[in-house]
């Protein structure tokens, strides 16, 4: 025996003619269900779009503008532990720039003091001479020779970067032979923007670049 049509089955739900919806009520119910369906589809599409945009932002950040959390005290007073900075992989480092670099599987932040072809000298008090001229270093609180066992004057070789931390007394950097001048392939990028804390200047200026532009 065949089953009754759906329309007939639906009619069995009503116990009287008064319970049967009018054409206007039926139209409103139909519109409500249509709106609900469209709203669900719109919400789904919006969620997918936001997820795709967020994924793209994360990918772009990871590829070109990675975020780095500062650890330790070697870059004080410029950067302090737990601050968060962005570094650019698209920017070429120059003297005076802060760079993020890999050393012993750790990500460190140091300042570029000399580049390939430069000759650097540091006296027993930690005063730096670059290519025969005293180096003005407004980013340090005090000079210090620190952990240093290389022979001066020191010529920076091709594709190498001589770096030091701003906190000269505690920073382990290119002054130490085991660390040495940093090769190109160990550099992640140039640190240019401080994201956190929010109440400090965000753009990290290169003091040597400012001086040259005056």
N, C-alpha and C. Protein backbone atom coordinates (compact mmCIF):
# COMPACT_ATOMS: atom_id res chain seq x y z
N UNK A 1 0.86 -1.19 0.00
CA UNK A 1 0.00 0.00 0.00
C UNK A 1 0.89 1.24 0.00
N UNK A 2 0.63 2.16 -0.92
CA UNK A 2 1.47 3.37 -1.03
C UNK A 2 1.15 4.35 0.08
N UNK A 3 2.17 5.12 0.47
CA UNK A 3 2.01 6.12 1.53
C UNK A 3 1.28 7.33 1.01
N UNK A 4 0.54 8.06 1.87
CA UNK A 4 -0.22 9.23 1.41
C UNK A 4 0.70 10.36 1.02
N UNK A 5 0.29 11.25 0.13
CA UNK A 5 1.11 12.41 -0.27
C UNK A 5 1.49 13.25 0.95
N UNK A 6 2.63 13.98 0.81
CA UNK A 6 3.13 14.81 1.92
C UNK A 6 2.13 15.87 2.32
N UNK A 7 1.43 16.41 1.32
CA UNK A 7 0.46 17.46 1.62
C UNK A 7 -0.65 16.94 2.51
N UNK A 8 -1.09 15.70 2.22
CA UNK A 8 -2.14 15.11 3.03
C UNK A 8 -1.63 14.83 4.43
N UNK A 9 -0.38 14.32 4.50
CA UNK A 9 0.22 14.05 5.80
C UNK A 9 0.31 15.33 6.63
N UNK A 10 0.70 16.43 5.97
CA UNK A 10 0.81 17.70 6.67
C UNK A 10 -0.54 18.15 7.19
N UNK A 11 -1.60 17.90 6.40
CA UNK A 11 -2.93 18.32 6.81
C UNK A 11 -3.40 17.56 8.04
N UNK A 12 -2.90 16.34 8.23
CA UNK A 12 -3.30 15.55 9.39
C UNK A 12 -2.84 16.18 10.70
N UNK A 13 -1.88 17.13 10.61
CA UNK A 13 -1.38 17.78 11.82
C UNK A 13 -2.40 18.76 12.40
N UNK A 14 -3.32 19.20 11.61
CA UNK A 14 -4.32 20.16 12.04
C UNK A 14 -5.57 19.41 12.49
N UNK A 15 -6.10 19.81 13.61
CA UNK A 15 -7.30 19.15 14.15
C UNK A 15 -8.58 19.84 13.74
N UNK A 16 -8.44 21.07 13.19
CA UNK A 16 -9.63 21.78 12.73
C UNK A 16 -9.24 22.72 11.61
N UNK A 17 -10.26 23.20 10.90
CA UNK A 17 -9.99 24.12 9.79
C UNK A 17 -9.42 25.45 10.28
N UNK A 18 -9.75 25.83 11.51
CA UNK A 18 -9.26 27.11 12.04
C UNK A 18 -7.75 27.11 12.22
N UNK A 19 -7.20 25.90 12.35
CA UNK A 19 -5.75 25.82 12.56
C UNK A 19 -4.95 25.90 11.27
N UNK A 20 -5.61 25.77 10.16
CA UNK A 20 -4.91 25.83 8.87
C UNK A 20 -4.49 27.28 8.62
N UNK A 21 -3.16 27.54 8.35
CA UNK A 21 -2.69 28.92 8.15
C UNK A 21 -3.27 29.54 6.90
N UNK A 22 -3.46 30.85 6.97
CA UNK A 22 -3.95 31.60 5.82
C UNK A 22 -2.80 31.76 4.82
N UNK A 23 -3.14 32.24 3.64
CA UNK A 23 -2.14 32.47 2.60
C UNK A 23 -1.09 33.49 3.07
N UNK A 24 -1.55 34.53 3.80
CA UNK A 24 -0.63 35.55 4.30
C UNK A 24 0.32 34.98 5.34
N UNK A 25 -0.24 34.15 6.23
CA UNK A 25 0.60 33.51 7.25
C UNK A 25 1.61 32.56 6.61
N UNK A 26 1.14 31.82 5.62
CA UNK A 26 2.02 30.90 4.91
C UNK A 26 3.15 31.66 4.22
N UNK A 27 2.83 32.82 3.62
CA UNK A 27 3.82 33.63 2.93
C UNK A 27 4.87 34.16 3.92
N UNK A 28 4.40 34.62 5.10
CA UNK A 28 5.33 35.12 6.11
C UNK A 28 6.26 34.02 6.61
N UNK A 29 5.70 32.84 6.81
CA UNK A 29 6.51 31.71 7.28
C UNK A 29 7.54 31.31 6.23
N UNK A 30 7.13 31.34 4.98
CA UNK A 30 8.03 31.02 3.88
C UNK A 30 9.18 32.02 3.80
N UNK A 31 8.84 33.32 3.95
CA UNK A 31 9.86 34.37 3.93
C UNK A 31 10.81 34.24 5.12
N UNK A 32 10.23 33.88 6.28
CA UNK A 32 11.07 33.72 7.47
C UNK A 32 12.10 32.60 7.27
N UNK A 33 11.63 31.50 6.73
CA UNK A 33 12.53 30.37 6.51
C UNK A 33 13.58 30.69 5.44
N UNK A 34 13.14 31.43 4.40
CA UNK A 34 14.07 31.82 3.36
C UNK A 34 15.15 32.76 3.91
N UNK A 35 14.71 33.71 4.75
CA UNK A 35 15.66 34.65 5.36
C UNK A 35 16.65 33.91 6.26
N UNK A 36 16.12 32.96 7.03
CA UNK A 36 16.97 32.19 7.93
C UNK A 36 18.04 31.42 7.16
N UNK A 37 17.62 30.85 6.04
CA UNK A 37 18.56 30.10 5.21
C UNK A 37 19.61 31.03 4.61
N UNK A 38 19.17 32.21 4.11
CA UNK A 38 20.10 33.17 3.52
C UNK A 38 21.06 33.72 4.57
N UNK A 39 20.53 33.96 5.78
CA UNK A 39 21.37 34.48 6.86
C UNK A 39 22.46 33.47 7.23
N UNK A 40 22.08 32.19 7.30
CA UNK A 40 23.05 31.14 7.62
C UNK A 40 24.13 31.06 6.55
N UNK A 41 23.72 31.19 5.27
CA UNK A 41 24.69 31.13 4.17
C UNK A 41 25.62 32.34 4.21
N UNK A 42 25.04 33.53 4.50
CA UNK A 42 25.85 34.75 4.59
C UNK A 42 26.84 34.65 5.74
N UNK A 43 26.36 34.14 6.88
CA UNK A 43 27.23 33.99 8.04
C UNK A 43 28.38 33.03 7.74
N UNK A 44 28.07 31.94 7.05
CA UNK A 44 29.09 30.96 6.69
C UNK A 44 30.13 31.57 5.76
N UNK A 45 29.66 32.32 4.74
CA UNK A 45 30.57 32.95 3.78
C UNK A 45 31.44 34.00 4.46
N UNK A 46 30.82 34.76 5.39
CA UNK A 46 31.59 35.77 6.12
C UNK A 46 32.67 35.13 6.97
N UNK A 47 32.33 34.05 7.64
CA UNK A 47 33.31 33.33 8.47
C UNK A 47 34.46 32.82 7.62
N UNK A 48 34.13 32.26 6.45
CA UNK A 48 35.18 31.74 5.56
C UNK A 48 36.09 32.88 5.08
N UNK A 49 35.47 34.02 4.73
CA UNK A 49 36.26 35.17 4.25
C UNK A 49 37.19 35.69 5.33
N UNK A 50 36.67 35.81 6.57
CA UNK A 50 37.49 36.29 7.69
C UNK A 50 38.63 35.31 7.97
N UNK A 51 38.32 34.01 7.94
CA UNK A 51 39.34 33.00 8.18
C UNK A 51 40.42 33.05 7.12
N UNK A 52 40.02 33.23 5.85
CA UNK A 52 40.99 33.32 4.76
C UNK A 52 41.86 34.56 4.90
N UNK A 53 41.23 35.70 5.27
CA UNK A 53 41.98 36.95 5.45
C UNK A 53 42.97 36.83 6.61
N UNK A 54 42.52 36.20 7.71
CA UNK A 54 43.41 36.01 8.86
C UNK A 54 44.57 35.10 8.50
N UNK A 55 44.29 34.05 7.76
CA UNK A 55 45.35 33.13 7.34
C UNK A 55 46.35 33.83 6.44
N UNK A 56 45.84 34.68 5.54
CA UNK A 56 46.72 35.43 4.65
C UNK A 56 47.59 36.40 5.44
N UNK A 57 46.98 37.05 6.45
CA UNK A 57 47.73 38.00 7.28
C UNK A 57 48.84 37.29 8.05
N UNK A 58 48.50 36.13 8.59
CA UNK A 58 49.50 35.36 9.34
C UNK A 58 50.63 34.91 8.40
N UNK A 59 50.27 34.48 7.19
CA UNK A 59 51.27 34.02 6.23
C UNK A 59 52.18 35.16 5.81
N UNK A 60 51.58 36.33 5.53
CA UNK A 60 52.38 37.50 5.13
C UNK A 60 53.31 37.90 6.27
N UNK A 61 52.77 37.89 7.50
CA UNK A 61 53.58 38.24 8.66
C UNK A 61 54.75 37.28 8.81
N UNK A 62 54.48 36.00 8.67
CA UNK A 62 55.52 34.99 8.83
C UNK A 62 56.57 35.08 7.73
N UNK A 63 56.13 35.39 6.51
CA UNK A 63 57.05 35.43 5.38
C UNK A 63 57.85 36.72 5.33
N UNK A 64 57.20 37.85 5.63
CA UNK A 64 57.84 39.15 5.39
C UNK A 64 58.02 40.00 6.64
N UNK A 65 57.10 39.91 7.62
CA UNK A 65 57.16 40.78 8.80
C UNK A 65 57.00 39.95 10.08
N UNK A 66 57.93 39.06 10.35
CA UNK A 66 57.79 38.22 11.56
C UNK A 66 57.87 39.05 12.83
N UNK A 67 57.08 38.65 13.82
CA UNK A 67 57.11 39.29 15.13
C UNK A 67 58.10 38.56 16.02
N UNK A 68 58.83 39.32 16.83
CA UNK A 68 59.87 38.76 17.71
C UNK A 68 59.69 39.32 19.11
N UNK A 69 59.76 38.45 20.10
CA UNK A 69 59.70 38.91 21.49
C UNK A 69 61.12 39.09 22.02
N UNK A 70 61.37 40.24 22.62
CA UNK A 70 62.69 40.55 23.15
C UNK A 70 62.93 39.72 24.41
N UNK A 71 64.10 39.09 24.49
CA UNK A 71 64.48 38.36 25.70
C UNK A 71 65.85 38.83 26.16
N UNK A 72 66.03 38.91 27.46
CA UNK A 72 67.32 39.31 28.00
C UNK A 72 67.51 40.82 28.04
N UNK A 73 68.72 41.23 28.41
CA UNK A 73 69.01 42.65 28.64
C UNK A 73 70.07 43.22 27.70
N UNK A 74 70.47 42.45 26.69
CA UNK A 74 71.61 42.87 25.87
C UNK A 74 71.32 44.08 24.98
N UNK A 75 70.03 44.42 24.77
CA UNK A 75 69.71 45.57 23.92
C UNK A 75 69.19 46.76 24.72
N UNK A 76 69.29 46.71 26.05
CA UNK A 76 68.93 47.88 26.85
C UNK A 76 69.97 48.98 26.63
N UNK A 77 69.57 50.26 26.63
CA UNK A 77 68.24 50.80 27.00
C UNK A 77 67.27 50.96 25.84
N UNK A 78 67.62 50.44 24.65
CA UNK A 78 66.73 50.59 23.49
C UNK A 78 65.54 49.66 23.56
N UNK A 79 65.81 48.38 23.85
CA UNK A 79 64.76 47.37 23.93
C UNK A 79 64.89 46.61 25.24
N UNK A 80 63.74 46.30 25.84
CA UNK A 80 63.72 45.59 27.11
C UNK A 80 63.02 44.24 26.95
N UNK A 81 63.33 43.34 27.85
CA UNK A 81 62.77 42.00 27.80
C UNK A 81 61.24 42.04 27.78
N UNK A 82 60.65 41.16 26.97
CA UNK A 82 59.20 40.98 26.80
C UNK A 82 58.55 42.00 25.88
N UNK A 83 59.30 42.97 25.39
CA UNK A 83 58.74 43.83 24.36
C UNK A 83 58.59 43.02 23.07
N UNK A 84 57.66 43.43 22.21
CA UNK A 84 57.41 42.73 20.96
C UNK A 84 57.70 43.66 19.79
N UNK A 85 58.49 43.18 18.85
CA UNK A 85 58.88 44.00 17.70
C UNK A 85 58.63 43.24 16.40
N UNK A 86 58.48 44.00 15.33
CA UNK A 86 58.39 43.42 13.99
C UNK A 86 59.72 43.64 13.28
N UNK A 87 60.12 42.65 12.49
CA UNK A 87 61.30 42.85 11.66
C UNK A 87 60.93 42.60 10.20
N UNK A 88 61.57 43.33 9.32
CA UNK A 88 61.26 43.26 7.90
C UNK A 88 62.30 42.42 7.17
N UNK A 89 61.81 41.43 6.43
CA UNK A 89 62.70 40.61 5.60
C UNK A 89 62.99 41.28 4.26
N UNK A 90 62.25 42.35 3.96
CA UNK A 90 62.40 43.03 2.67
C UNK A 90 63.37 44.19 2.74
N UNK A 91 63.86 44.50 3.92
CA UNK A 91 64.71 45.67 4.12
C UNK A 91 66.16 45.23 4.25
N UNK A 92 67.06 45.94 3.56
CA UNK A 92 68.49 45.65 3.66
C UNK A 92 69.08 46.36 4.88
N UNK A 93 69.83 45.64 5.69
CA UNK A 93 70.41 46.22 6.91
C UNK A 93 71.51 47.22 6.57
N UNK A 94 71.59 48.25 7.41
CA UNK A 94 72.63 49.27 7.29
C UNK A 94 73.27 49.49 8.65
N UNK A 95 74.38 50.19 8.67
CA UNK A 95 75.00 50.54 9.96
C UNK A 95 73.98 51.27 10.82
N UNK A 96 73.89 50.88 12.07
CA UNK A 96 72.95 51.51 12.99
C UNK A 96 71.62 50.80 13.12
N UNK A 97 71.30 49.92 12.17
CA UNK A 97 70.04 49.16 12.25
C UNK A 97 70.13 48.07 13.31
N UNK A 98 68.99 47.77 13.91
CA UNK A 98 68.89 46.59 14.78
C UNK A 98 68.41 45.44 13.92
N UNK A 99 69.04 44.29 14.05
CA UNK A 99 68.64 43.14 13.25
C UNK A 99 68.31 41.95 14.16
N UNK A 100 67.47 41.08 13.63
CA UNK A 100 67.19 39.80 14.29
C UNK A 100 68.05 38.75 13.59
N UNK A 101 68.76 37.94 14.37
CA UNK A 101 69.68 36.98 13.78
C UNK A 101 69.65 35.67 14.56
N UNK A 102 70.08 34.62 13.91
CA UNK A 102 70.15 33.31 14.54
C UNK A 102 71.58 33.01 14.99
N UNK A 103 71.68 32.55 16.24
CA UNK A 103 72.98 32.14 16.78
C UNK A 103 72.75 30.97 17.74
N UNK A 104 73.39 29.85 17.46
CA UNK A 104 73.21 28.64 18.28
C UNK A 104 71.74 28.27 18.46
N UNK A 105 71.00 28.33 17.35
CA UNK A 105 69.57 27.99 17.31
C UNK A 105 68.71 28.91 18.16
N UNK A 106 69.24 30.09 18.49
CA UNK A 106 68.49 31.10 19.23
C UNK A 106 68.32 32.33 18.35
N UNK A 107 67.20 33.04 18.56
CA UNK A 107 66.95 34.28 17.83
C UNK A 107 67.35 35.45 18.72
N UNK A 108 68.33 36.21 18.26
CA UNK A 108 68.87 37.33 19.05
C UNK A 108 68.65 38.65 18.31
N UNK A 109 68.68 39.74 19.08
CA UNK A 109 68.61 41.08 18.51
C UNK A 109 69.91 41.81 18.81
N UNK A 110 70.54 42.36 17.78
CA UNK A 110 71.78 43.10 17.93
C UNK A 110 71.77 44.28 16.96
N UNK A 111 72.70 45.23 17.19
CA UNK A 111 72.79 46.39 16.33
C UNK A 111 73.98 46.25 15.37
N UNK A 112 73.75 46.60 14.11
CA UNK A 112 74.83 46.57 13.12
C UNK A 112 75.77 47.75 13.37
N UNK A 113 77.03 47.43 13.63
CA UNK A 113 78.03 48.47 13.88
C UNK A 113 78.91 48.67 12.65
N UNK A 114 79.24 47.60 11.96
CA UNK A 114 80.10 47.68 10.78
C UNK A 114 79.64 46.67 9.75
N UNK A 115 79.85 47.01 8.47
CA UNK A 115 79.45 46.13 7.37
C UNK A 115 80.70 45.70 6.59
N UNK A 116 80.51 44.87 5.59
CA UNK A 116 81.63 44.34 4.81
C UNK A 116 82.52 45.47 4.28
N UNK A 117 83.82 45.32 4.50
CA UNK A 117 84.78 46.32 4.04
C UNK A 117 85.15 47.35 5.09
N UNK A 118 84.37 47.43 6.18
CA UNK A 118 84.67 48.36 7.26
C UNK A 118 85.78 47.82 8.15
N UNK A 119 86.53 48.75 8.72
CA UNK A 119 87.54 48.40 9.72
C UNK A 119 87.10 49.00 11.06
N UNK A 120 87.00 48.14 12.05
CA UNK A 120 86.53 48.57 13.36
C UNK A 120 87.61 48.37 14.40
N UNK A 121 87.65 49.30 15.36
CA UNK A 121 88.60 49.21 16.47
C UNK A 121 87.87 49.57 17.76
N UNK A 122 88.20 48.90 18.83
CA UNK A 122 87.59 49.18 20.14
C UNK A 122 88.71 49.21 21.17
N UNK A 123 88.78 50.31 21.94
CA UNK A 123 89.85 50.41 22.94
C UNK A 123 89.44 49.71 24.23
N UNK A 124 90.35 49.74 25.21
CA UNK A 124 90.12 49.01 26.47
C UNK A 124 88.93 49.55 27.26
N UNK A 125 88.49 50.78 26.94
CA UNK A 125 87.33 51.34 27.62
C UNK A 125 86.03 51.07 26.86
N UNK A 126 86.14 50.47 25.69
CA UNK A 126 84.96 50.16 24.90
C UNK A 126 84.59 51.21 23.88
N UNK A 127 85.41 52.24 23.71
CA UNK A 127 85.13 53.26 22.71
C UNK A 127 85.37 52.70 21.31
N UNK A 128 84.43 52.94 20.41
CA UNK A 128 84.47 52.34 19.08
C UNK A 128 84.97 53.35 18.04
N UNK A 129 85.89 52.88 17.20
CA UNK A 129 86.36 53.66 16.06
C UNK A 129 86.00 52.89 14.80
N UNK A 130 85.35 53.57 13.85
CA UNK A 130 84.93 52.93 12.61
C UNK A 130 85.60 53.63 11.44
N UNK A 131 86.40 52.87 10.69
CA UNK A 131 87.13 53.41 9.54
C UNK A 131 87.93 54.66 9.91
N UNK A 132 88.53 54.60 11.09
CA UNK A 132 89.40 55.69 11.54
C UNK A 132 88.71 56.84 12.22
N UNK A 133 87.37 56.80 12.32
CA UNK A 133 86.61 57.89 12.94
C UNK A 133 85.88 57.38 14.17
N UNK A 134 85.91 58.18 15.29
CA UNK A 134 85.15 57.78 16.48
C UNK A 134 83.66 57.64 16.13
N UNK A 135 83.05 56.57 16.61
CA UNK A 135 81.65 56.31 16.30
C UNK A 135 80.74 56.92 17.36
N UNK A 136 79.84 57.79 16.92
CA UNK A 136 78.85 58.38 17.83
C UNK A 136 77.76 57.35 18.09
N UNK A 137 77.55 56.99 19.37
CA UNK A 137 76.59 55.95 19.71
C UNK A 137 75.59 56.46 20.76
N UNK A 138 74.57 57.19 20.34
CA UNK A 138 73.59 57.73 21.28
C UNK A 138 72.69 56.66 21.90
N UNK A 139 72.73 55.45 21.37
CA UNK A 139 71.85 54.37 21.84
C UNK A 139 72.41 53.60 23.03
N UNK A 140 73.65 53.88 23.45
CA UNK A 140 74.21 53.17 24.61
C UNK A 140 74.25 54.09 25.82
N UNK A 141 74.15 53.49 27.02
CA UNK A 141 74.28 54.27 28.26
C UNK A 141 75.74 54.49 28.62
N UNK A 142 76.56 53.49 28.37
CA UNK A 142 77.98 53.61 28.68
C UNK A 142 78.77 52.62 27.85
N UNK A 143 80.00 53.00 27.52
CA UNK A 143 80.88 52.14 26.74
C UNK A 143 81.49 51.07 27.66
N UNK A 144 81.77 49.91 27.07
CA UNK A 144 82.41 48.83 27.82
C UNK A 144 83.02 47.85 26.82
N UNK A 145 84.17 47.31 27.14
CA UNK A 145 84.81 46.36 26.23
C UNK A 145 84.06 45.04 26.20
N UNK A 146 83.47 44.64 27.33
CA UNK A 146 82.65 43.43 27.38
C UNK A 146 83.41 42.16 27.08
N UNK A 147 82.68 41.16 26.61
CA UNK A 147 83.25 39.85 26.27
C UNK A 147 83.95 39.97 24.92
N UNK A 148 85.25 40.22 24.97
CA UNK A 148 85.99 40.51 23.74
C UNK A 148 87.31 39.74 23.73
N UNK A 149 87.51 38.94 22.66
CA UNK A 149 88.79 38.24 22.53
C UNK A 149 89.33 38.27 21.10
N UNK A 150 88.80 39.19 20.26
CA UNK A 150 89.30 39.30 18.89
C UNK A 150 90.41 40.36 18.84
N UNK A 151 91.19 40.32 17.77
CA UNK A 151 92.32 41.24 17.60
C UNK A 151 91.86 42.44 16.78
N UNK A 152 92.15 43.63 17.26
CA UNK A 152 91.82 44.86 16.55
C UNK A 152 93.09 45.47 15.96
N UNK A 153 92.99 46.24 14.88
CA UNK A 153 91.75 46.55 14.14
C UNK A 153 91.23 45.32 13.39
N UNK A 154 89.91 45.28 13.24
CA UNK A 154 89.22 44.12 12.67
C UNK A 154 88.56 44.52 11.36
N UNK A 155 88.90 43.80 10.28
CA UNK A 155 88.30 44.06 8.97
C UNK A 155 87.12 43.12 8.76
N UNK A 156 85.96 43.71 8.50
CA UNK A 156 84.76 42.90 8.28
C UNK A 156 84.78 42.32 6.87
N UNK A 157 84.68 41.01 6.78
CA UNK A 157 84.77 40.32 5.50
C UNK A 157 83.46 40.44 4.71
N UNK A 158 83.54 40.03 3.44
CA UNK A 158 82.38 40.09 2.55
C UNK A 158 81.24 39.21 3.09
N UNK A 159 80.04 39.72 2.93
CA UNK A 159 78.83 39.02 3.37
C UNK A 159 78.82 38.76 4.88
N UNK A 160 79.42 39.65 5.64
CA UNK A 160 79.45 39.55 7.09
C UNK A 160 79.01 40.88 7.70
N UNK A 161 78.48 40.78 8.94
CA UNK A 161 77.98 41.96 9.65
C UNK A 161 78.53 41.94 11.07
N UNK A 162 79.21 43.02 11.45
CA UNK A 162 79.75 43.13 12.81
C UNK A 162 78.66 43.76 13.67
N UNK A 163 78.20 43.02 14.67
CA UNK A 163 77.07 43.48 15.48
C UNK A 163 77.45 43.51 16.96
N UNK A 164 76.77 44.39 17.69
CA UNK A 164 76.94 44.46 19.14
C UNK A 164 75.59 44.81 19.78
N UNK A 165 75.41 44.40 21.02
CA UNK A 165 74.24 44.80 21.78
C UNK A 165 74.45 46.19 22.35
N UNK A 166 73.38 46.92 22.58
CA UNK A 166 73.50 48.27 23.13
C UNK A 166 73.97 48.26 24.58
N UNK A 167 73.70 47.18 25.28
CA UNK A 167 74.17 47.03 26.66
C UNK A 167 75.53 46.35 26.61
N UNK A 168 76.57 47.15 26.35
CA UNK A 168 77.89 46.63 26.00
C UNK A 168 78.52 45.76 27.09
N UNK A 169 78.20 46.01 28.34
CA UNK A 169 78.85 45.28 29.43
C UNK A 169 78.40 43.82 29.50
N UNK A 170 77.18 43.53 29.02
CA UNK A 170 76.64 42.17 29.18
C UNK A 170 76.43 41.44 27.85
N UNK A 171 76.43 42.16 26.75
CA UNK A 171 76.11 41.55 25.46
C UNK A 171 77.24 40.65 24.96
N UNK A 172 76.88 39.45 24.52
CA UNK A 172 77.80 38.57 23.81
C UNK A 172 77.52 38.75 22.32
N UNK A 173 78.52 39.19 21.57
CA UNK A 173 78.28 39.56 20.17
C UNK A 173 79.55 39.37 19.34
N UNK A 174 79.70 40.17 18.29
CA UNK A 174 80.82 39.98 17.35
C UNK A 174 82.18 40.25 17.97
N UNK A 175 82.22 40.82 19.17
CA UNK A 175 83.51 41.03 19.86
C UNK A 175 84.09 39.71 20.36
N UNK A 176 83.25 38.70 20.40
CA UNK A 176 83.66 37.39 20.91
C UNK A 176 83.87 36.46 19.71
N UNK A 177 85.04 35.85 19.61
CA UNK A 177 85.41 35.09 18.42
C UNK A 177 84.46 33.93 18.12
N UNK A 178 83.90 33.30 19.14
CA UNK A 178 82.98 32.19 18.92
C UNK A 178 81.68 32.67 18.28
N UNK A 179 81.35 33.93 18.47
CA UNK A 179 80.16 34.53 17.88
C UNK A 179 80.50 35.06 16.49
N UNK A 180 81.50 35.92 16.45
CA UNK A 180 82.02 36.44 15.19
C UNK A 180 81.08 37.37 14.45
N UNK A 181 81.56 37.82 13.28
CA UNK A 181 80.72 38.63 12.41
C UNK A 181 79.65 37.72 11.81
N UNK A 182 78.43 38.24 11.73
CA UNK A 182 77.27 37.42 11.35
C UNK A 182 77.19 37.26 9.83
N UNK A 183 77.07 36.02 9.32
CA UNK A 183 76.89 35.81 7.88
C UNK A 183 75.49 36.18 7.43
N UNK A 184 75.35 36.50 6.15
CA UNK A 184 74.05 36.90 5.60
C UNK A 184 72.94 35.91 5.92
N UNK A 185 73.24 34.62 5.79
CA UNK A 185 72.19 33.61 5.91
C UNK A 185 71.65 33.47 7.33
N UNK A 186 72.32 34.07 8.31
CA UNK A 186 71.86 33.99 9.70
C UNK A 186 70.95 35.15 10.09
N UNK A 187 70.74 36.08 9.16
CA UNK A 187 69.94 37.27 9.47
C UNK A 187 68.48 37.03 9.08
N UNK A 188 67.57 37.23 10.04
CA UNK A 188 66.14 37.10 9.78
C UNK A 188 65.58 38.36 9.15
N UNK A 189 65.96 39.52 9.67
CA UNK A 189 65.45 40.77 9.12
C UNK A 189 65.85 41.97 9.97
N UNK A 190 65.43 43.14 9.51
CA UNK A 190 65.72 44.41 10.18
C UNK A 190 64.57 44.77 11.11
N UNK A 191 64.88 45.01 12.37
CA UNK A 191 63.87 45.39 13.35
C UNK A 191 63.53 46.86 13.15
N UNK A 192 62.24 47.15 12.90
CA UNK A 192 61.87 48.54 12.58
C UNK A 192 60.65 49.04 13.36
N UNK A 193 59.87 48.14 13.95
CA UNK A 193 58.61 48.57 14.57
C UNK A 193 58.42 47.85 15.91
N UNK A 194 58.14 48.65 16.96
CA UNK A 194 57.84 48.09 18.28
C UNK A 194 56.32 48.05 18.45
N UNK A 195 55.77 46.84 18.53
CA UNK A 195 54.33 46.69 18.69
C UNK A 195 53.90 46.86 20.13
N UNK A 196 54.68 46.34 21.06
CA UNK A 196 54.33 46.37 22.49
C UNK A 196 55.60 46.66 23.30
N UNK A 197 55.47 47.50 24.35
CA UNK A 197 54.26 48.14 24.90
C UNK A 197 53.76 49.29 24.04
N UNK A 198 52.47 49.59 24.19
CA UNK A 198 51.82 50.54 23.30
C UNK A 198 52.15 52.00 23.61
N UNK A 199 52.66 52.28 24.82
CA UNK A 199 52.91 53.66 25.21
C UNK A 199 54.30 54.14 24.84
N UNK A 200 55.10 53.30 24.17
CA UNK A 200 56.45 53.69 23.75
C UNK A 200 56.46 53.96 22.24
N UNK A 201 57.47 54.72 21.76
CA UNK A 201 57.55 54.97 20.31
C UNK A 201 57.56 53.66 19.53
N UNK A 202 56.79 53.63 18.46
CA UNK A 202 56.68 52.39 17.69
C UNK A 202 57.78 52.24 16.64
N UNK A 203 58.08 53.32 15.94
CA UNK A 203 59.11 53.25 14.90
C UNK A 203 60.49 53.33 15.54
N UNK A 204 61.33 52.35 15.23
CA UNK A 204 62.70 52.32 15.76
C UNK A 204 63.63 52.96 14.73
N UNK A 205 64.01 54.19 15.00
CA UNK A 205 64.83 54.95 14.06
C UNK A 205 66.28 54.49 14.09
N UNK A 206 66.94 54.65 12.95
CA UNK A 206 68.38 54.42 12.84
C UNK A 206 69.08 55.76 13.06
N UNK A 207 69.78 55.93 14.19
CA UNK A 207 70.38 57.24 14.49
C UNK A 207 71.44 57.66 13.47
N UNK A 208 72.15 56.70 12.90
CA UNK A 208 73.17 57.03 11.90
C UNK A 208 72.52 57.52 10.60
N UNK A 209 71.39 56.93 10.27
CA UNK A 209 70.66 57.34 9.07
C UNK A 209 70.12 58.75 9.23
N UNK A 210 69.62 59.06 10.43
CA UNK A 210 69.10 60.41 10.71
C UNK A 210 70.21 61.45 10.57
N UNK A 211 71.39 61.10 11.08
CA UNK A 211 72.51 62.03 11.05
C UNK A 211 72.96 62.31 9.62
N UNK A 212 72.94 61.24 8.78
CA UNK A 212 73.36 61.39 7.39
C UNK A 212 72.39 62.23 6.60
N UNK A 213 71.09 62.20 6.98
CA UNK A 213 70.06 62.92 6.22
C UNK A 213 69.98 64.40 6.59
N UNK A 214 70.64 64.81 7.70
CA UNK A 214 70.60 66.21 8.12
C UNK A 214 71.49 67.06 7.22
